[in-house]
Amino acid sequence: MHENIKHTLSLNENIVAKSDDTDIFSKDLKHKSEVADWQSIYADLVYGTHFFIYAKFIGSSRENYFNVNKIQLYLQNYTGPVSIGFTGYFDIDVISNIDSKDPDKDNRFPDRNKIMIEVGLQGFNMEKNFIEIDNLDIDIYHWDVLVTESVFIPIKSELTKIYDIVNIKKASYVDEIFMERMGEDIQISTLGKQNLSKLVNRQLISNTQLKSTGADLNLNKTSDDSTPKGFDIPCKPRNTYFSYKN
């Protein structure tokens, strides 16, 4: 049931992009159009922190679709001990042939496209809570569906010792996405090794870094083409329908 629950994201050419010099928390009414109209596309609970990612899809309405030329993303941490922020990594892919076993396949909409967005995140990182992706040219129809996935990179090695296999037992923080603690032993988990290999495939960490964790370098040679993007993490609000206003 849960995979069929989606919310709606409105595409409207009257939505105003946030400019680089506008504070997202500005109370100046002349900036209200820039700091308003954010719509949620993703929510999760990681490292004990509950956070949302909000988006603005900037573009123009056409006869029966909406053309997106810019996407702006804003991350808000709500509760929890670890601040999470963007790394700057962003990828978007339009899938036109949705697999028949995919929950997003709907025979009511035979022409549906699945728009996959991957966003890079990191714990203990408040350097970026806003990113902008421009020079896009994506046509979105109201029957299309958006799926947003997070791609976490490891927390800084100064805290986790994740790239220092000799001293990893001295880690001040055990990164739960990649590591596990068993009494006095701290090690890279089985799922963590898989997640690290996916980061190599996306060129978010190097082979040298992967090797320094003790993970098998051959893991990163596995193709991602036959499996969904993203990591094996619990279910979360990530599926969105589109609607647009002419």
C-alpha atoms as a PDB file:
ATOM      1  CA  MET A   1       0.000   0.000   0.000  1.00  0.00           C
ATOM      2  CA  HIS A   2       2.658   2.525   1.044  1.00  0.00           C
ATOM      3  CA  GLU A   3       4.314   2.538  -2.404  1.00  0.00           C
ATOM      4  CA  ASN A   4       1.049   3.807  -3.887  1.00  0.00           C
ATOM      5  CA  ILE A   5       0.785   6.808  -1.552  1.00  0.00           C
ATOM      6  CA  LYS A   6       1.917   9.971  -3.289  1.00  0.00           C
ATOM      7  CA  HIS A   7       1.446  13.697  -2.875  1.00  0.00           C
ATOM      8  CA  THR A   8       1.001  16.352  -5.534  1.00  0.00           C
ATOM      9  CA  LEU A   9       3.516  18.973  -6.602  1.00  0.00           C
ATOM     10  CA  SER A  10       2.177  22.029  -8.386  1.00  0.00           C
ATOM     11  CA  LEU A  11       3.998  23.334 -11.454  1.00  0.00           C
ATOM     12  CA  ASN A  12       3.235  26.999 -11.894  1.00  0.00           C
ATOM     13  CA  GLU A  13       5.158  29.534 -13.968  1.00  0.00           C
ATOM     14  CA  ASN A  14       4.249  32.233 -11.424  1.00  0.00           C
ATOM     15  CA  ILE A  15       6.518  30.609  -8.823  1.00  0.00           C
ATOM     16  CA  VAL A  16       9.496  32.932  -8.363  1.00  0.00           C
ATOM     17  CA  ALA A  17      13.035  31.601  -8.055  1.00  0.00           C
ATOM     18  CA  LYS A  18      15.062  32.474  -4.986  1.00  0.00           C
ATOM     19  CA  SER A  19      17.963  34.757  -5.849  1.00  0.00           C
ATOM     20  CA  ASP A  20      21.409  34.068  -4.426  1.00  0.00           C
ATOM     21  CA  ASP A  21      21.320  37.155  -2.194  1.00  0.00           C
ATOM     22  CA  THR A  22      17.933  36.451  -0.639  1.00  0.00           C
ATOM     23  CA  ASP A  23      17.866  34.990   2.878  1.00  0.00           C
ATOM     24  CA  ILE A  24      15.460  32.052   3.005  1.00  0.00           C
ATOM     25  CA  PHE A  25      14.314  33.346   6.401  1.00  0.00           C
ATOM     26  CA  SER A  26      13.781  36.911   5.199  1.00  0.00           C
ATOM     27  CA  LYS A  27      10.727  38.658   6.615  1.00  0.00           C
ATOM     28  CA  ASP A  28      10.995  41.506   4.145  1.00  0.00           C
ATOM     29  CA  LEU A  29       7.728  41.451   2.202  1.00  0.00           C
ATOM     30  CA  LYS A  30       9.405  42.497  -1.019  1.00  0.00           C
ATOM     31  CA  HIS A  31      11.221  39.160  -0.951  1.00  0.00           C
ATOM     32  CA  LYS A  32       8.183  37.113   0.055  1.00  0.00           C
ATOM     33  CA  SER A  33       7.651  35.663  -3.429  1.00  0.00           C
ATOM     34  CA  GLU A  34      11.227  34.385  -3.429  1.00  0.00           C
ATOM     35  CA  VAL A  35      11.152  32.695  -0.040  1.00  0.00           C
ATOM     36  CA  ALA A  36       7.591  31.363  -0.384  1.00  0.00           C
ATOM     37  CA  ASP A  37       6.046  28.544  -2.471  1.00  0.00           C
ATOM     38  CA  TRP A  38       8.511  25.789  -1.537  1.00  0.00           C
ATOM     39  CA  GLN A  39       7.021  22.307  -1.982  1.00  0.00           C
ATOM     40  CA  SER A  40       8.209  19.140  -0.262  1.00  0.00           C
ATOM     41  CA  ILE A  41       9.633  16.345  -2.430  1.00  0.00           C
ATOM     42  CA  TYR A  42      11.427  14.209   0.173  1.00  0.00           C
ATOM     43  CA  ALA A  43      11.469  13.474   3.900  1.00  0.00           C
ATOM     44  CA  ASP A  44      13.518  11.092   5.991  1.00  0.00           C
ATOM     45  CA  LEU A  45      14.928  10.267   9.416  1.00  0.00           C
ATOM     46  CA  VAL A  46      18.703   9.711   9.309  1.00  0.00           C
ATOM     47  CA  TYR A  47      21.233   9.914  12.157  1.00  0.00           C
ATOM     48  CA  GLY A  48      18.241  10.575  14.429  1.00  0.00           C
ATOM     49  CA  THR A  49      17.442  13.762  12.517  1.00  0.00           C
ATOM     50  CA  HIS A  50      14.106  14.379  10.823  1.00  0.00           C
ATOM     51  CA  PHE A  51      14.492  16.536   7.712  1.00  0.00           C
ATOM     52  CA  PHE A  52      12.626  17.608   4.590  1.00  0.00           C
ATOM     53  CA  ILE A  53      13.827  18.624   1.128  1.00  0.00           C
ATOM     54  CA  TYR A  54      11.763  21.295  -0.581  1.00  0.00           C
ATOM     55  CA  ALA A  55      11.848  22.289  -4.243  1.00  0.00           C
ATOM     56  CA  LYS A  56      10.959  24.996  -6.688  1.00  0.00           C
ATOM     57  CA  PHE A  57      10.528  23.909 -10.307  1.00  0.00           C
ATOM     58  CA  ILE A  58      11.050  27.034 -12.393  1.00  0.00           C
ATOM     59  CA  GLY A  59       9.800  27.067 -15.969  1.00  0.00           C
ATOM     60  CA  SER A  60       6.892  27.815 -18.261  1.00  0.00           C
ATOM     61  CA  SER A  61       3.545  26.241 -19.122  1.00  0.00           C
ATOM     62  CA  ARG A  62       3.061  24.936 -22.623  1.00  0.00           C
ATOM     63  CA  GLU A  63      -0.025  23.573 -24.348  1.00  0.00           C
ATOM     64  CA  ASN A  64      -0.187  20.310 -22.393  1.00  0.00           C
ATOM     65  CA  TYR A  65       3.040  20.141 -20.404  1.00  0.00           C
ATOM     66  CA  PHE A  66       5.393  22.196 -18.248  1.00  0.00           C
ATOM     67  CA  ASN A  67       8.968  22.909 -19.325  1.00  0.00           C
ATOM     68  CA  VAL A  68      11.435  23.074 -16.432  1.00  0.00           C
ATOM     69  CA  ASN A  69      14.605  25.099 -16.916  1.00  0.00           C
ATOM     70  CA  LYS A  70      15.711  25.405 -13.303  1.00  0.00           C
ATOM     71  CA  ILE A  71      15.297  23.463 -10.046  1.00  0.00           C
ATOM     72  CA  GLN A  72      16.059  24.931  -6.642  1.00  0.00           C
ATOM     73  CA  LEU A  73      16.301  22.739  -3.550  1.00  0.00           C
ATOM     74  CA  TYR A  74      16.212  23.713   0.118  1.00  0.00           C
ATOM     75  CA  LEU A  75      16.876  21.361   3.045  1.00  0.00           C
ATOM     76  CA  GLN A  76      15.325  21.946   6.458  1.00  0.00           C
ATOM     77  CA  ASN A  77      16.436  19.994   9.522  1.00  0.00           C
ATOM     78  CA  TYR A  78      13.554  19.808  11.996  1.00  0.00           C
ATOM     79  CA  THR A  79      14.474  17.635  14.975  1.00  0.00           C
ATOM     80  CA  GLY A  80      17.471  15.554  15.932  1.00  0.00           C
ATOM     81  CA  PRO A  81      21.127  15.868  16.945  1.00  0.00           C
ATOM     82  CA  VAL A  82      22.949  15.793  13.588  1.00  0.00           C
ATOM     83  CA  SER A  83      22.699  18.632  11.066  1.00  0.00           C
ATOM     84  CA  ILE A  84      22.369  17.361   7.493  1.00  0.00           C
ATOM     85  CA  GLY A  85      23.240  19.365   4.374  1.00  0.00           C
ATOM     86  CA  PHE A  86      23.725  19.117   0.620  1.00  0.00           C
ATOM     87  CA  THR A  87      27.042  17.996  -0.833  1.00  0.00           C
ATOM     88  CA  GLY A  88      26.374  19.572  -4.231  1.00  0.00           C
ATOM     89  CA  TYR A  89      25.824  16.281  -6.042  1.00  0.00           C
ATOM     90  CA  PHE A  90      22.653  16.215  -8.147  1.00  0.00           C
ATOM     91  CA  ASP A  91      21.496  13.902 -10.911  1.00  0.00           C
ATOM     92  CA  ILE A  92      18.244  13.757 -12.848  1.00  0.00           C
ATOM     93  CA  ASP A  93      17.091  11.017 -15.197  1.00  0.00           C
ATOM     94  CA  VAL A  94      13.846  10.672 -17.165  1.00  0.00           C
ATOM     95  CA  ILE A  95      12.709   7.047 -17.512  1.00  0.00           C
ATOM     96  CA  SER A  96      10.209   6.621 -20.322  1.00  0.00           C
ATOM     97  CA  ASN A  97       9.740   2.846 -20.192  1.00  0.00           C
ATOM     98  CA  ILE A  98       8.599   2.016 -16.667  1.00  0.00           C
ATOM     99  CA  ASP A  99       8.901  -1.658 -15.793  1.00  0.00           C
ATOM    100  CA  SER A 100       5.591  -3.492 -15.538  1.00  0.00           C
ATOM    101  CA  LYS A 101       6.412  -4.562 -11.954  1.00  0.00           C
ATOM    102  CA  ASP A 102       7.222  -1.022 -10.866  1.00  0.00           C
ATOM    103  CA  PRO A 103       4.663   0.372  -8.370  1.00  0.00           C
ATOM    104  CA  ASP A 104       4.685   3.623 -10.353  1.00  0.00           C
ATOM    105  CA  LYS A 105       3.442   1.827 -13.457  1.00  0.00           C
ATOM    106  CA  ASP A 106      -0.204   2.802 -13.994  1.00  0.00           C
ATOM    107  CA  ASN A 107      -2.177   1.596 -16.997  1.00  0.00           C
ATOM    108  CA  ARG A 108      -4.401   4.654 -16.684  1.00  0.00           C
ATOM    109  CA  PHE A 109      -1.400   6.690 -17.859  1.00  0.00           C
ATOM    110  CA  PRO A 110       0.356   4.671 -20.601  1.00  0.00           C
ATOM    111  CA  ASP A 111       2.632   7.597 -21.509  1.00  0.00           C
ATOM    112  CA  ARG A 112       3.832   8.205 -17.962  1.00  0.00           C
ATOM    113  CA  ASN A 113       7.499   9.074 -17.416  1.00  0.00           C
ATOM    114  CA  LYS A 114       9.304   8.554 -14.130  1.00  0.00           C
ATOM    115  CA  ILE A 115      11.592  11.452 -13.277  1.00  0.00           C
ATOM    116  CA  MET A 116      14.345  10.244 -10.950  1.00  0.00           C
ATOM    117  CA  ILE A 117      16.258  12.780  -8.883  1.00  0.00           C
ATOM    118  CA  GLU A 118      19.310  11.916  -6.781  1.00  0.00           C
ATOM    119  CA  VAL A 119      20.534  14.440  -4.231  1.00  0.00           C
ATOM    120  CA  GLY A 120      23.844  14.210  -2.382  1.00  0.00           C
ATOM    121  CA  LEU A 121      23.655  14.636   1.416  1.00  0.00           C
ATOM    122  CA  GLN A 122      26.053  14.426   4.354  1.00  0.00           C
ATOM    123  CA  GLY A 123      25.702  14.435   8.119  1.00  0.00           C
ATOM    124  CA  PHE A 124      27.505  17.079  10.221  1.00  0.00           C
ATOM    125  CA  ASN A 125      27.415  19.342   7.176  1.00  0.00           C
ATOM    126  CA  MET A 126      25.720  22.731   7.294  1.00  0.00           C
ATOM    127  CA  GLU A 127      27.780  24.328   4.536  1.00  0.00           C
ATOM    128  CA  LYS A 128      24.911  24.002   2.048  1.00  0.00           C
ATOM    129  CA  ASN A 129      21.187  23.876   2.700  1.00  0.00           C
ATOM    130  CA  PHE A 130      20.318  25.424  -0.688  1.00  0.00           C
ATOM    131  CA  ILE A 131      21.366  24.363  -4.195  1.00  0.00           C
ATOM    132  CA  GLU A 132      20.315  25.417  -7.672  1.00  0.00           C
ATOM    133  CA  ILE A 133      20.439  23.415 -10.899  1.00  0.00           C
ATOM    134  CA  ASP A 134      19.921  25.482 -14.033  1.00  0.00           C
ATOM    135  CA  ASN A 135      20.220  25.132 -17.827  1.00  0.00           C
ATOM    136  CA  LEU A 136      17.679  22.306 -17.728  1.00  0.00           C
ATOM    137  CA  ASP A 137      15.212  21.450 -20.486  1.00  0.00           C
ATOM    138  CA  ILE A 138      12.761  18.894 -19.099  1.00  0.00           C
ATOM    139  CA  ASP A 139       9.173  18.516 -20.262  1.00  0.00           C
ATOM    140  CA  ILE A 140       6.827  17.306 -17.525  1.00  0.00           C
ATOM    141  CA  TYR A 141       3.268  16.121 -18.080  1.00  0.00           C
ATOM    142  CA  HIS A 142       0.645  15.989 -15.329  1.00  0.00           C
ATOM    143  CA  TRP A 143       0.605  12.170 -15.418  1.00  0.00           C
ATOM    144  CA  ASP A 144       4.350  11.907 -14.815  1.00  0.00           C
ATOM    145  CA  VAL A 145       5.749  10.940 -11.432  1.00  0.00           C
ATOM    146  CA  LEU A 146       8.773  12.260  -9.539  1.00  0.00           C
ATOM    147  CA  VAL A 147      10.904  10.009  -7.328  1.00  0.00           C
ATOM    148  CA  THR A 148      13.560  11.612  -5.146  1.00  0.00           C
ATOM    149  CA  GLU A 149      16.417   9.614  -3.604  1.00  0.00           C
ATOM    150  CA  SER A 150      19.153  10.666  -1.196  1.00  0.00           C
ATOM    151  CA  VAL A 151      22.778   9.674  -1.721  1.00  0.00           C
ATOM    152  CA  PHE A 152      24.690  10.049   1.527  1.00  0.00           C
ATOM    153  CA  ILE A 153      28.455  10.331   1.538  1.00  0.00           C
ATOM    154  CA  PRO A 154      30.316   9.379   4.736  1.00  0.00           C
ATOM    155  CA  ILE A 155      30.550  11.789   7.635  1.00  0.00           C
ATOM    156  CA  LYS A 156      33.962  13.459   7.747  1.00  0.00           C
ATOM    157  CA  SER A 157      36.758  11.007   8.461  1.00  0.00           C
ATOM    158  CA  GLU A 158      38.105  13.130  11.325  1.00  0.00           C
ATOM    159  CA  LEU A 159      35.108  11.905  13.307  1.00  0.00           C
ATOM    160  CA  THR A 160      34.542   8.442  11.873  1.00  0.00           C
ATOM    161  CA  LYS A 161      38.013   7.236  10.828  1.00  0.00           C
ATOM    162  CA  ILE A 162      36.174   5.528   7.966  1.00  0.00           C
ATOM    163  CA  TYR A 163      39.161   5.881   5.637  1.00  0.00           C
ATOM    164  CA  ASP A 164      41.634   4.813   8.303  1.00  0.00           C
ATOM    165  CA  ILE A 165      41.147   1.063   8.776  1.00  0.00           C
ATOM    166  CA  VAL A 166      44.063   0.899  11.246  1.00  0.00           C
ATOM    167  CA  ASN A 167      42.544   3.454  13.625  1.00  0.00           C
ATOM    168  CA  ILE A 168      38.841   2.953  12.905  1.00  0.00           C
ATOM    169  CA  LYS A 169      38.310   1.627  16.451  1.00  0.00           C
ATOM    170  CA  LYS A 170      39.178   5.140  17.662  1.00  0.00           C
ATOM    171  CA  ALA A 171      36.231   6.665  15.794  1.00  0.00           C
ATOM    172  CA  SER A 172      34.420   9.380  17.735  1.00  0.00           C
ATOM    173  CA  TYR A 173      31.258   8.737  15.737  1.00  0.00           C
ATOM    174  CA  VAL A 174      30.030   5.546  14.034  1.00  0.00           C
ATOM    175  CA  ASP A 175      28.417   6.449  10.717  1.00  0.00           C
ATOM    176  CA  GLU A 176      25.345   4.167  10.726  1.00  0.00           C
ATOM    177  CA  ILE A 177      24.960   4.219   6.936  1.00  0.00           C
ATOM    178  CA  PHE A 178      28.398   2.694   6.414  1.00  0.00           C
ATOM    179  CA  MET A 179      29.655   1.410   9.772  1.00  0.00           C
ATOM    180  CA  GLU A 180      28.665  -0.723  12.766  1.00  0.00           C
ATOM    181  CA  ARG A 181      29.846  -1.177  16.333  1.00  0.00           C
ATOM    182  CA  MET A 182      30.199  -4.620  17.913  1.00  0.00           C
ATOM    183  CA  GLY A 183      31.431  -3.979  21.443  1.00  0.00           C
ATOM    184  CA  GLU A 184      34.938  -2.568  21.194  1.00  0.00           C
ATOM    185  CA  ASP A 185      35.074  -3.391  17.476  1.00  0.00           C
ATOM    186  CA  ILE A 186      34.061  -0.815  14.870  1.00  0.00           C
ATOM    187  CA  GLN A 187      33.976  -1.883  11.248  1.00  0.00           C
ATOM    188  CA  ILE A 188      32.470  -1.205   7.840  1.00  0.00           C
ATOM    189  CA  SER A 189      29.117  -3.000   7.660  1.00  0.00           C
ATOM    190  CA  THR A 190      28.121  -5.292   4.779  1.00  0.00           C
ATOM    191  CA  LEU A 191      25.537  -2.761   3.580  1.00  0.00           C
ATOM    192  CA  GLY A 192      28.077   0.003   4.135  1.00  0.00           C
ATOM    193  CA  LYS A 193      30.492  -1.653   1.707  1.00  0.00           C
ATOM    194  CA  GLN A 194      27.739  -1.812  -0.916  1.00  0.00           C
ATOM    195  CA  ASN A 195      26.872   1.828  -0.344  1.00  0.00           C
ATOM    196  CA  LEU A 196      30.517   2.858  -0.600  1.00  0.00           C
ATOM    197  CA  SER A 197      30.861   1.009  -3.905  1.00  0.00           C
ATOM    198  CA  LYS A 198      27.875   2.921  -5.283  1.00  0.00           C
ATOM    199  CA  LEU A 199      29.594   6.154  -4.325  1.00  0.00           C
ATOM    200  CA  VAL A 200      32.607   5.111  -6.388  1.00  0.00           C
ATOM    201  CA  ASN A 201      30.330   4.458  -9.366  1.00  0.00           C
ATOM    202  CA  ARG A 202      29.018   8.008  -9.007  1.00  0.00           C
ATOM    203  CA  GLN A 203      32.571   9.339  -8.577  1.00  0.00           C
ATOM    204  CA  LEU A 204      31.687  10.711  -5.151  1.00  0.00           C
ATOM    205  CA  ILE A 205      34.601   8.887  -3.520  1.00  0.00           C
ATOM    206  CA  SER A 206      37.746   7.490  -5.105  1.00  0.00           C
ATOM    207  CA  ASN A 207      38.935   3.904  -5.484  1.00  0.00           C
ATOM    208  CA  THR A 208      41.729   4.821  -3.082  1.00  0.00           C
ATOM    209  CA  GLN A 209      39.205   5.846  -0.445  1.00  0.00           C
ATOM    210  CA  LEU A 210      37.178   2.686  -1.024  1.00  0.00           C
ATOM    211  CA  LYS A 211      40.301   0.547  -0.664  1.00  0.00           C
ATOM    212  CA  SER A 212      41.270   2.344   2.554  1.00  0.00           C
ATOM    213  CA  THR A 213      37.980   1.188   4.140  1.00  0.00           C
ATOM    214  CA  GLY A 214      38.870  -2.444   3.516  1.00  0.00           C
ATOM    215  CA  ALA A 215      35.949  -2.902   1.095  1.00  0.00           C
ATOM    216  CA  ASP A 216      36.361  -5.112  -1.977  1.00  0.00           C
ATOM    217  CA  LEU A 217      37.319  -2.989  -4.987  1.00  0.00           C
ATOM    218  CA  ASN A 218      35.431  -5.418  -7.242  1.00  0.00           C
ATOM    219  CA  LEU A 219      32.158  -4.341  -5.642  1.00  0.00           C
ATOM    220  CA  ASN A 220      32.190  -1.078  -7.533  1.00  0.00           C
ATOM    221  CA  LYS A 221      32.313  -2.874 -10.887  1.00  0.00           C
ATOM    222  CA  THR A 222      28.715  -4.002 -10.505  1.00  0.00           C
ATOM    223  CA  SER A 223      26.433  -2.121 -12.861  1.00  0.00           C
ATOM    224  CA  ASP A 224      23.563  -0.089 -11.396  1.00  0.00           C
ATOM    225  CA  ASP A 225      21.548  -0.355 -14.622  1.00  0.00           C
ATOM    226  CA  SER A 226      19.446  -3.312 -13.497  1.00  0.00           C
ATOM    227  CA  THR A 227      18.648  -2.003 -10.023  1.00  0.00           C
ATOM    228  CA  PRO A 228      16.858   1.116  -8.782  1.00  0.00           C
ATOM    229  CA  LYS A 229      18.988   4.109  -7.949  1.00  0.00           C
ATOM    230  CA  GLY A 230      19.562   4.932  -4.307  1.00  0.00           C
ATOM    231  CA  PHE A 231      20.432   2.882  -1.273  1.00  0.00           C
ATOM    232  CA  ASP A 232      18.563   0.149   0.582  1.00  0.00           C
ATOM    233  CA  ILE A 233      17.024   2.299   3.305  1.00  0.00           C
ATOM    234  CA  PRO A 234      13.587   2.258   4.968  1.00  0.00           C
ATOM    235  CA  CYS A 235      10.478   3.547   3.200  1.00  0.00           C
ATOM    236  CA  LYS A 236      10.030   7.314   3.207  1.00  0.00           C
ATOM    237  CA  PRO A 237       7.915   9.992   1.476  1.00  0.00           C
ATOM    238  CA  ARG A 238       9.619  10.331  -1.886  1.00  0.00           C
ATOM    239  CA  ASN A 239       6.992   9.820  -4.619  1.00  0.00           C
ATOM    240  CA  THR A 240       5.220  12.832  -6.069  1.00  0.00           C
ATOM    241  CA  TYR A 241       2.585  13.431  -8.715  1.00  0.00           C
ATOM    242  CA  PHE A 242       2.707  16.554 -10.836  1.00  0.00           C
ATOM    243  CA  SER A 243      -0.014  19.047 -11.592  1.00  0.00           C
ATOM    244  CA  TYR A 244       0.404  22.225 -13.590  1.00  0.00           C
ATOM    245  CA  LYS A 245      -1.461  25.420 -14.204  1.00  0.00           C
ATOM    246  CA  ASN A 246      -1.669  26.899 -17.687  1.00  0.00           C
END
